[in-house]
C-alpha atoms as a PDB file:
ATOM      1  CA  UNK A   1     131.566  95.801  95.093  1.00  0.00           C
ATOM      2  CA  UNK A   2     129.396  98.277  96.988  1.00  0.00           C
ATOM      3  CA  UNK A   3     129.475  98.235 100.711  1.00  0.00           C
ATOM      4  CA  UNK A   4     126.210  98.408 102.618  1.00  0.00           C
ATOM      5  CA  UNK A   5     125.830 101.249 105.074  1.00  0.00           C
ATOM      6  CA  UNK A   6     125.753  99.963 108.654  1.00  0.00           C
ATOM      7  CA  UNK A   7     122.373 100.587 110.237  1.00  0.00           C
ATOM      8  CA  UNK A   8     122.286 102.866 113.247  1.00  0.00           C
ATOM      9  CA  UNK A   9     119.547 103.124 115.850  1.00  0.00           C
ATOM     10  CA  UNK A  10     120.440 106.304 117.757  1.00  0.00           C
ATOM     11  CA  UNK A  11     117.062 108.056 117.315  1.00  0.00           C
ATOM     12  CA  UNK A  12     115.169 104.780 117.843  1.00  0.00           C
ATOM     13  CA  UNK A  13     116.916 104.168 121.161  1.00  0.00           C
ATOM     14  CA  UNK A  14     116.327 107.765 122.251  1.00  0.00           C
ATOM     15  CA  UNK A  15     112.593 107.477 121.494  1.00  0.00           C
ATOM     16  CA  UNK A  16     112.387 104.084 123.187  1.00  0.00           C
ATOM     17  CA  UNK A  17     113.946 105.420 126.388  1.00  0.00           C
ATOM     18  CA  UNK A  18     111.590 108.402 126.305  1.00  0.00           C
ATOM     19  CA  UNK A  19     108.564 106.154 125.709  1.00  0.00           C
ATOM     20  CA  UNK A  20     109.474 103.703 128.483  1.00  0.00           C
ATOM     21  CA  UNK A  21     109.103 106.515 131.027  1.00  0.00           C
ATOM     22  CA  UNK A  22     105.403 106.887 130.144  1.00  0.00           C
ATOM     23  CA  UNK A  23     104.317 103.705 128.344  1.00  0.00           C
ATOM     24  CA  UNK A  24     104.869 100.152 129.629  1.00  0.00           C
ATOM     25  CA  UNK A  25     106.778  98.302 126.919  1.00  0.00           C
ATOM     26  CA  UNK A  26     107.267 101.555 125.004  1.00  0.00           C
ATOM     27  CA  UNK A  27     104.123 101.092 122.902  1.00  0.00           C
ATOM     28  CA  UNK A  28     100.407 100.432 123.258  1.00  0.00           C
ATOM     29  CA  UNK A  29     100.723  96.997 121.623  1.00  0.00           C
ATOM     30  CA  UNK A  30     102.976  94.242 123.007  1.00  0.00           C
ATOM     31  CA  UNK A  31     103.508  92.732 119.561  1.00  0.00           C
ATOM     32  CA  UNK A  32     104.992  96.064 118.355  1.00  0.00           C
ATOM     33  CA  UNK A  33     107.318  96.381 121.347  1.00  0.00           C
ATOM     34  CA  UNK A  34     111.086  96.197 121.383  1.00  0.00           C
ATOM     35  CA  UNK A  35     110.689  92.854 123.185  1.00  0.00           C
ATOM     36  CA  UNK A  36     109.510  91.246 119.922  1.00  0.00           C
ATOM     37  CA  UNK A  37     112.388  92.378 117.705  1.00  0.00           C
ATOM     38  CA  UNK A  38     116.160  91.928 118.145  1.00  0.00           C
ATOM     39  CA  UNK A  39     117.446  95.216 119.575  1.00  0.00           C
ATOM     40  CA  UNK A  40     120.276  96.662 117.494  1.00  0.00           C
ATOM     41  CA  UNK A  41     119.159  94.853 114.335  1.00  0.00           C
ATOM     42  CA  UNK A  42     115.516  95.803 113.914  1.00  0.00           C
ATOM     43  CA  UNK A  43     113.687  99.114 113.597  1.00  0.00           C
ATOM     44  CA  UNK A  44     111.939 100.378 116.710  1.00  0.00           C
ATOM     45  CA  UNK A  45     110.005 103.360 115.332  1.00  0.00           C
ATOM     46  CA  UNK A  46     108.726 103.964 111.801  1.00  0.00           C
ATOM     47  CA  UNK A  47     108.900 107.431 110.264  1.00  0.00           C
ATOM     48  CA  UNK A  48     107.369 106.771 106.838  1.00  0.00           C
ATOM     49  CA  UNK A  49     105.741 103.939 104.927  1.00  0.00           C
ATOM     50  CA  UNK A  50     104.668 103.464 101.314  1.00  0.00           C
ATOM     51  CA  UNK A  51     103.495 100.157  99.915  1.00  0.00           C
ATOM     52  CA  UNK A  52     105.467  97.408 101.668  1.00  0.00           C
ATOM     53  CA  UNK A  53     108.500  99.610 102.328  1.00  0.00           C
ATOM     54  CA  UNK A  54     109.168 101.471 105.555  1.00  0.00           C
ATOM     55  CA  UNK A  55     111.801 103.935 106.714  1.00  0.00           C
ATOM     56  CA  UNK A  56     112.573 104.086 110.409  1.00  0.00           C
ATOM     57  CA  UNK A  57     113.384 107.211 112.412  1.00  0.00           C
ATOM     58  CA  UNK A  58     117.087 106.580 111.778  1.00  0.00           C
ATOM     59  CA  UNK A  59     116.517 106.549 107.977  1.00  0.00           C
ATOM     60  CA  UNK A  60     117.136 102.804 107.682  1.00  0.00           C
ATOM     61  CA  UNK A  61     115.041 101.196 104.929  1.00  0.00           C
ATOM     62  CA  UNK A  62     113.165  97.901 105.224  1.00  0.00           C
ATOM     63  CA  UNK A  63     110.674  95.679 103.469  1.00  0.00           C
ATOM     64  CA  UNK A  64     107.902  95.286 106.044  1.00  0.00           C
ATOM     65  CA  UNK A  65     106.772  91.666 106.196  1.00  0.00           C
ATOM     66  CA  UNK A  66     104.798  92.344 109.393  1.00  0.00           C
ATOM     67  CA  UNK A  67     102.418  94.704 107.546  1.00  0.00           C
ATOM     68  CA  UNK A  68     101.064  96.541 110.615  1.00  0.00           C
ATOM     69  CA  UNK A  69     100.450  93.218 112.344  1.00  0.00           C
ATOM     70  CA  UNK A  70      98.845  91.942 109.104  1.00  0.00           C
ATOM     71  CA  UNK A  71      96.177  94.646 109.134  1.00  0.00           C
ATOM     72  CA  UNK A  72      97.619  96.340 106.070  1.00  0.00           C
ATOM     73  CA  UNK A  73      97.264  93.905 103.183  1.00  0.00           C
ATOM     74  CA  UNK A  74      97.335  96.496 100.383  1.00  0.00           C
ATOM     75  CA  UNK A  75     100.406  98.311 101.652  1.00  0.00           C
ATOM     76  CA  UNK A  76     100.839 101.567 103.489  1.00  0.00           C
ATOM     77  CA  UNK A  77      99.931 105.002 102.206  1.00  0.00           C
ATOM     78  CA  UNK A  78      97.882 103.792  99.225  1.00  0.00           C
ATOM     79  CA  UNK A  79      96.864 106.745  97.024  1.00  0.00           C
ATOM     80  CA  UNK A  80      93.306 105.499  96.332  1.00  0.00           C
ATOM     81  CA  UNK A  81      92.623 104.697  99.985  1.00  0.00           C
ATOM     82  CA  UNK A  82      94.100 108.029 101.123  1.00  0.00           C
ATOM     83  CA  UNK A  83      91.890 109.935  98.658  1.00  0.00           C
ATOM     84  CA  UNK A  84      88.753 108.097  99.807  1.00  0.00           C
ATOM     85  CA  UNK A  85      89.539 108.708 103.479  1.00  0.00           C
ATOM     86  CA  UNK A  86      90.258 112.406 102.898  1.00  0.00           C
ATOM     87  CA  UNK A  87      87.046 112.782 100.862  1.00  0.00           C
ATOM     88  CA  UNK A  88      85.050 111.230 103.723  1.00  0.00           C
ATOM     89  CA  UNK A  89      86.764 113.349 106.394  1.00  0.00           C
ATOM     90  CA  UNK A  90      85.741 116.462 104.460  1.00  0.00           C
ATOM     91  CA  UNK A  91      82.108 115.277 104.755  1.00  0.00           C
ATOM     92  CA  UNK A  92      82.518 114.416 108.433  1.00  0.00           C
ATOM     93  CA  UNK A  93      83.719 111.204 110.024  1.00  0.00           C
ATOM     94  CA  UNK A  94      81.554 110.796 113.122  1.00  0.00           C
ATOM     95  CA  UNK A  95      77.896 111.762 113.176  1.00  0.00           C
ATOM     96  CA  UNK A  96      75.179 111.888 115.829  1.00  0.00           C
ATOM     97  CA  UNK A  97      72.923 109.825 113.554  1.00  0.00           C
ATOM     98  CA  UNK A  98      73.512 106.929 111.142  1.00  0.00           C
ATOM     99  CA  UNK A  99      74.752 107.576 107.640  1.00  0.00           C
ATOM    100  CA  UNK A 100      74.065 105.713 104.376  1.00  0.00           C
ATOM    101  CA  UNK A 101      77.761 104.829 104.225  1.00  0.00           C
ATOM    102  CA  UNK A 102      77.228 102.398 107.129  1.00  0.00           C
ATOM    103  CA  UNK A 103      74.725 100.461 105.032  1.00  0.00           C
ATOM    104  CA  UNK A 104      76.923 100.472 101.939  1.00  0.00           C
ATOM    105  CA  UNK A 105      79.955  99.198 103.868  1.00  0.00           C
ATOM    106  CA  UNK A 106      77.867  96.578 105.722  1.00  0.00           C
ATOM    107  CA  UNK A 107      76.599  95.157 102.427  1.00  0.00           C
ATOM    108  CA  UNK A 108      80.163  94.863 101.131  1.00  0.00           C
ATOM    109  CA  UNK A 109      81.351  93.147 104.296  1.00  0.00           C
END
């Protein structure tokens, strides 16, 4: 029988204490704050995400059912989305005048 590694939160707690000095609640969004998750059992800061899996700053691994507060319904770090975003950034992402992309996206929405 394999024994699960006990999760640690040393880096998470360090970052939380640092954040609390400058940010009320430690984050810009109350629903992401340490007040919403059981301290000592839940991740506080994410380091990396791919699909529905996340790794916190203490290298603990999780399946993220929260999905960026339900904004991420295709998973994090999607290769096709990343490529499209990078392609657009190379063309410019904020212009002084409208762009055809606005029309194309509006029609799809």
